[in-house]
Amino acid sequence: MKGIFFFSNSVKQDPAVDAWIAARGGRLGSIAQLWFNIIRACGDDVRELLHDGHPTACVGEAAFAYVNAFTAHVNVGFFRGAELEDPFGLLEGTGKYMRHVKLRPEKNVDTTALTTLVQTAYTDMKNRLKVG
């Protein structure tokens, strides 16, 4: 399946992900934790791991979303984000497949819109796996 990242080492709840989240403090750590918990809650088949040094969520073994904390913002990213419907215009990036939403502590995000985008990415990956 072209453009899908598979991680055979993904698990239901990875202690390394929990350690990564615990190591991030302050507002950025709280933002990253909140959004990764929302990603984790998408379904019983969500698995996770650290990939490229940040928490990554999979449908089974197929990556669909991640969070990463930087100096001044948190990214909530989607492995097939370029192909997702984004009626609220939250997605950023120019990659062939990936897109992200940049969250800054000083700027409010439409939590309903971003939660919908997370769920859309999860459902999209489930559908890709059924077809492929």
C-alpha atoms as a PDB file:
ATOM      1  CA  MET A   1       0.000   0.000   0.000  1.00  0.00           C
ATOM      2  CA  LYS A   2       1.793   3.033  -1.329  1.00  0.00           C
ATOM      3  CA  GLY A   3       2.412   5.883   1.074  1.00  0.00           C
ATOM      4  CA  ILE A   4       1.430   4.034   4.246  1.00  0.00           C
ATOM      5  CA  PHE A   5       4.000   3.639   7.012  1.00  0.00           C
ATOM      6  CA  PHE A   6       3.733   0.290   8.798  1.00  0.00           C
ATOM      7  CA  PHE A   7       5.285  -0.251  12.220  1.00  0.00           C
ATOM      8  CA  SER A   8       5.259  -3.870  13.384  1.00  0.00           C
ATOM      9  CA  ASN A   9       6.589  -2.763  16.782  1.00  0.00           C
ATOM     10  CA  SER A  10       3.543  -0.627  17.643  1.00  0.00           C
ATOM     11  CA  VAL A  11       1.793  -1.629  20.876  1.00  0.00           C
ATOM     12  CA  LYS A  12      -1.438  -0.779  22.692  1.00  0.00           C
ATOM     13  CA  GLN A  13       0.283   1.624  25.109  1.00  0.00           C
ATOM     14  CA  ASP A  14       4.003   2.191  24.801  1.00  0.00           C
ATOM     15  CA  PRO A  15       5.823   3.157  28.021  1.00  0.00           C
ATOM     16  CA  ALA A  16       8.285   5.121  25.876  1.00  0.00           C
ATOM     17  CA  VAL A  17       5.423   7.338  24.695  1.00  0.00           C
ATOM     18  CA  ASP A  18       4.335   7.922  28.285  1.00  0.00           C
ATOM     19  CA  ALA A  19       7.942   8.799  29.204  1.00  0.00           C
ATOM     20  CA  TRP A  20       8.177  11.210  26.260  1.00  0.00           C
ATOM     21  CA  ILE A  21       4.999  12.961  27.387  1.00  0.00           C
ATOM     22  CA  ALA A  22       6.131  13.073  31.030  1.00  0.00           C
ATOM     23  CA  ALA A  23       9.447  14.655  29.989  1.00  0.00           C
ATOM     24  CA  ARG A  24       7.666  17.606  28.384  1.00  0.00           C
ATOM     25  CA  GLY A  25       6.630  20.174  30.914  1.00  0.00           C
ATOM     26  CA  GLY A  26       4.623  23.340  30.932  1.00  0.00           C
ATOM     27  CA  ARG A  27       1.944  24.352  28.483  1.00  0.00           C
ATOM     28  CA  LEU A  28       3.515  22.608  25.489  1.00  0.00           C
ATOM     29  CA  GLY A  29       3.689  19.314  27.357  1.00  0.00           C
ATOM     30  CA  SER A  30       0.063  19.665  28.408  1.00  0.00           C
ATOM     31  CA  ILE A  31      -1.013  20.407  24.850  1.00  0.00           C
ATOM     32  CA  ALA A  32       0.923  17.421  23.484  1.00  0.00           C
ATOM     33  CA  GLN A  33      -0.526  15.119  26.147  1.00  0.00           C
ATOM     34  CA  LEU A  34      -4.092  16.310  25.570  1.00  0.00           C
ATOM     35  CA  TRP A  35      -3.964  15.745  21.832  1.00  0.00           C
ATOM     36  CA  PHE A  36      -2.147  12.430  21.969  1.00  0.00           C
ATOM     37  CA  ASN A  37      -4.759  11.194  24.442  1.00  0.00           C
ATOM     38  CA  ILE A  38      -7.478  12.228  21.975  1.00  0.00           C
ATOM     39  CA  ILE A  39      -5.637  10.332  19.230  1.00  0.00           C
ATOM     40  CA  ARG A  40      -5.275   7.268  21.490  1.00  0.00           C
ATOM     41  CA  ALA A  41      -9.020   7.273  22.151  1.00  0.00           C
ATOM     42  CA  CYS A  42     -10.007   6.952  18.476  1.00  0.00           C
ATOM     43  CA  GLY A  43     -10.553   3.204  18.680  1.00  0.00           C
ATOM     44  CA  ASP A  44      -9.634  -0.108  20.258  1.00  0.00           C
ATOM     45  CA  ASP A  45      -7.275  -0.868  17.375  1.00  0.00           C
ATOM     46  CA  VAL A  46      -5.048   2.188  18.002  1.00  0.00           C
ATOM     47  CA  ARG A  47      -1.450   1.227  18.669  1.00  0.00           C
ATOM     48  CA  GLU A  48       1.516   3.500  19.334  1.00  0.00           C
ATOM     49  CA  LEU A  49       5.267   3.886  19.416  1.00  0.00           C
ATOM     50  CA  LEU A  50       7.972   6.520  19.315  1.00  0.00           C
ATOM     51  CA  HIS A  51       8.915   7.151  15.693  1.00  0.00           C
ATOM     52  CA  ASP A  52      11.563   9.723  14.825  1.00  0.00           C
ATOM     53  CA  GLY A  53      11.589  10.689  18.492  1.00  0.00           C
ATOM     54  CA  HIS A  54       7.917  11.550  18.932  1.00  0.00           C
ATOM     55  CA  PRO A  55       4.639   9.760  19.763  1.00  0.00           C
ATOM     56  CA  THR A  56       3.046   8.162  16.724  1.00  0.00           C
ATOM     57  CA  ALA A  57      -0.343   6.469  16.582  1.00  0.00           C
ATOM     58  CA  CYS A  58      -1.315   3.640  14.258  1.00  0.00           C
ATOM     59  CA  VAL A  59      -4.410   1.783  13.204  1.00  0.00           C
ATOM     60  CA  GLY A  60      -2.966  -1.630  13.951  1.00  0.00           C
ATOM     61  CA  GLU A  61       0.466  -1.177  12.371  1.00  0.00           C
ATOM     62  CA  ALA A  62      -0.410   1.658   9.936  1.00  0.00           C
ATOM     63  CA  ALA A  63       0.578   5.140  11.141  1.00  0.00           C
ATOM     64  CA  PHE A  64      -2.118   7.795  10.971  1.00  0.00           C
ATOM     65  CA  ALA A  65      -1.197  10.588  13.436  1.00  0.00           C
ATOM     66  CA  TYR A  66       1.528  11.962  15.690  1.00  0.00           C
ATOM     67  CA  VAL A  67       2.323  14.768  18.090  1.00  0.00           C
ATOM     68  CA  ASN A  68       5.598  16.593  18.488  1.00  0.00           C
ATOM     69  CA  ALA A  69       6.602  19.436  20.806  1.00  0.00           C
ATOM     70  CA  PHE A  70       8.955  22.160  19.698  1.00  0.00           C
ATOM     71  CA  THR A  71      10.265  25.301  21.415  1.00  0.00           C
ATOM     72  CA  ALA A  72       7.148  27.420  20.900  1.00  0.00           C
ATOM     73  CA  HIS A  73       4.479  25.099  19.492  1.00  0.00           C
ATOM     74  CA  VAL A  74       3.114  21.561  19.244  1.00  0.00           C
ATOM     75  CA  ASN A  75       2.336  19.831  15.966  1.00  0.00           C
ATOM     76  CA  VAL A  76      -0.531  17.408  15.616  1.00  0.00           C
ATOM     77  CA  GLY A  77       0.341  15.657  12.377  1.00  0.00           C
ATOM     78  CA  PHE A  78      -1.305  13.269   9.980  1.00  0.00           C
ATOM     79  CA  PHE A  79       0.530  10.771   7.799  1.00  0.00           C
ATOM     80  CA  ARG A  80      -2.054  11.079   4.984  1.00  0.00           C
ATOM     81  CA  GLY A  81      -3.088  14.627   5.837  1.00  0.00           C
ATOM     82  CA  ALA A  82      -2.703  15.916   2.274  1.00  0.00           C
ATOM     83  CA  GLU A  83      -5.699  13.770   1.322  1.00  0.00           C
ATOM     84  CA  LEU A  84      -7.962  14.614   4.252  1.00  0.00           C
ATOM     85  CA  GLU A  85     -10.938  16.909   4.020  1.00  0.00           C
ATOM     86  CA  ASP A  86     -10.147  20.022   6.040  1.00  0.00           C
ATOM     87  CA  PRO A  87     -13.235  22.249   5.974  1.00  0.00           C
ATOM     88  CA  PHE A  88     -11.857  24.505   8.730  1.00  0.00           C
ATOM     89  CA  GLY A  89      -8.476  25.064   7.057  1.00  0.00           C
ATOM     90  CA  LEU A  90      -6.390  23.821   9.973  1.00  0.00           C
ATOM     91  CA  LEU A  91      -3.804  21.800   8.050  1.00  0.00           C
ATOM     92  CA  GLU A  92      -0.386  23.173   7.138  1.00  0.00           C
ATOM     93  CA  GLY A  93       2.482  21.783   5.105  1.00  0.00           C
ATOM     94  CA  THR A  94       3.415  21.011   1.530  1.00  0.00           C
ATOM     95  CA  GLY A  95       4.587  17.397   1.655  1.00  0.00           C
ATOM     96  CA  LYS A  96       3.310  14.777  -0.756  1.00  0.00           C
ATOM     97  CA  TYR A  97       1.352  12.985   1.991  1.00  0.00           C
ATOM     98  CA  MET A  98       1.814  14.559   5.406  1.00  0.00           C
ATOM     99  CA  ARG A  99       0.200  17.625   6.941  1.00  0.00           C
ATOM    100  CA  HIS A 100       0.100  19.054  10.463  1.00  0.00           C
ATOM    101  CA  VAL A 101      -1.758  21.500  12.663  1.00  0.00           C
ATOM    102  CA  LYS A 102       0.458  23.901  14.585  1.00  0.00           C
ATOM    103  CA  LEU A 103      -0.770  24.609  18.132  1.00  0.00           C
ATOM    104  CA  ARG A 104       0.581  27.552  20.109  1.00  0.00           C
ATOM    105  CA  PRO A 105      -0.193  28.169  23.794  1.00  0.00           C
ATOM    106  CA  GLU A 106      -1.134  31.794  23.167  1.00  0.00           C
ATOM    107  CA  LYS A 107      -3.612  30.963  20.389  1.00  0.00           C
ATOM    108  CA  ASN A 108      -6.885  29.082  20.879  1.00  0.00           C
ATOM    109  CA  VAL A 109      -7.623  26.189  18.569  1.00  0.00           C
ATOM    110  CA  ASP A 110     -11.063  25.058  17.498  1.00  0.00           C
ATOM    111  CA  THR A 111     -11.026  21.845  19.527  1.00  0.00           C
ATOM    112  CA  THR A 112     -14.132  20.481  17.824  1.00  0.00           C
ATOM    113  CA  ALA A 113     -12.594  21.000  14.383  1.00  0.00           C
ATOM    114  CA  LEU A 114      -9.262  19.431  15.362  1.00  0.00           C
ATOM    115  CA  THR A 115     -10.943  16.506  17.129  1.00  0.00           C
ATOM    116  CA  THR A 116     -12.983  15.925  13.963  1.00  0.00           C
ATOM    117  CA  LEU A 117      -9.783  16.024  11.901  1.00  0.00           C
ATOM    118  CA  VAL A 118      -8.146  13.450  14.203  1.00  0.00           C
ATOM    119  CA  GLN A 119     -11.177  11.158  13.878  1.00  0.00           C
ATOM    120  CA  THR A 120     -11.229  11.685  10.109  1.00  0.00           C
ATOM    121  CA  ALA A 121      -7.562  10.652   9.845  1.00  0.00           C
ATOM    122  CA  TYR A 122      -8.256   7.533  11.910  1.00  0.00           C
ATOM    123  CA  THR A 123     -11.296   6.560   9.830  1.00  0.00           C
ATOM    124  CA  ASP A 124      -9.443   7.321   6.602  1.00  0.00           C
ATOM    125  CA  MET A 125      -6.624   4.938   7.555  1.00  0.00           C
ATOM    126  CA  LYS A 126      -9.089   2.212   8.577  1.00  0.00           C
ATOM    127  CA  ASN A 127     -10.737   2.545   5.159  1.00  0.00           C
ATOM    128  CA  ARG A 128      -7.387   2.447   3.329  1.00  0.00           C
ATOM    129  CA  LEU A 129      -6.515  -0.794   5.115  1.00  0.00           C
ATOM    130  CA  LYS A 130      -9.848  -2.371   4.126  1.00  0.00           C
ATOM    131  CA  VAL A 131      -9.352  -1.495   0.463  1.00  0.00           C
ATOM    132  CA  GLY A 132      -5.692  -2.468   0.307  1.00  0.00           C
END
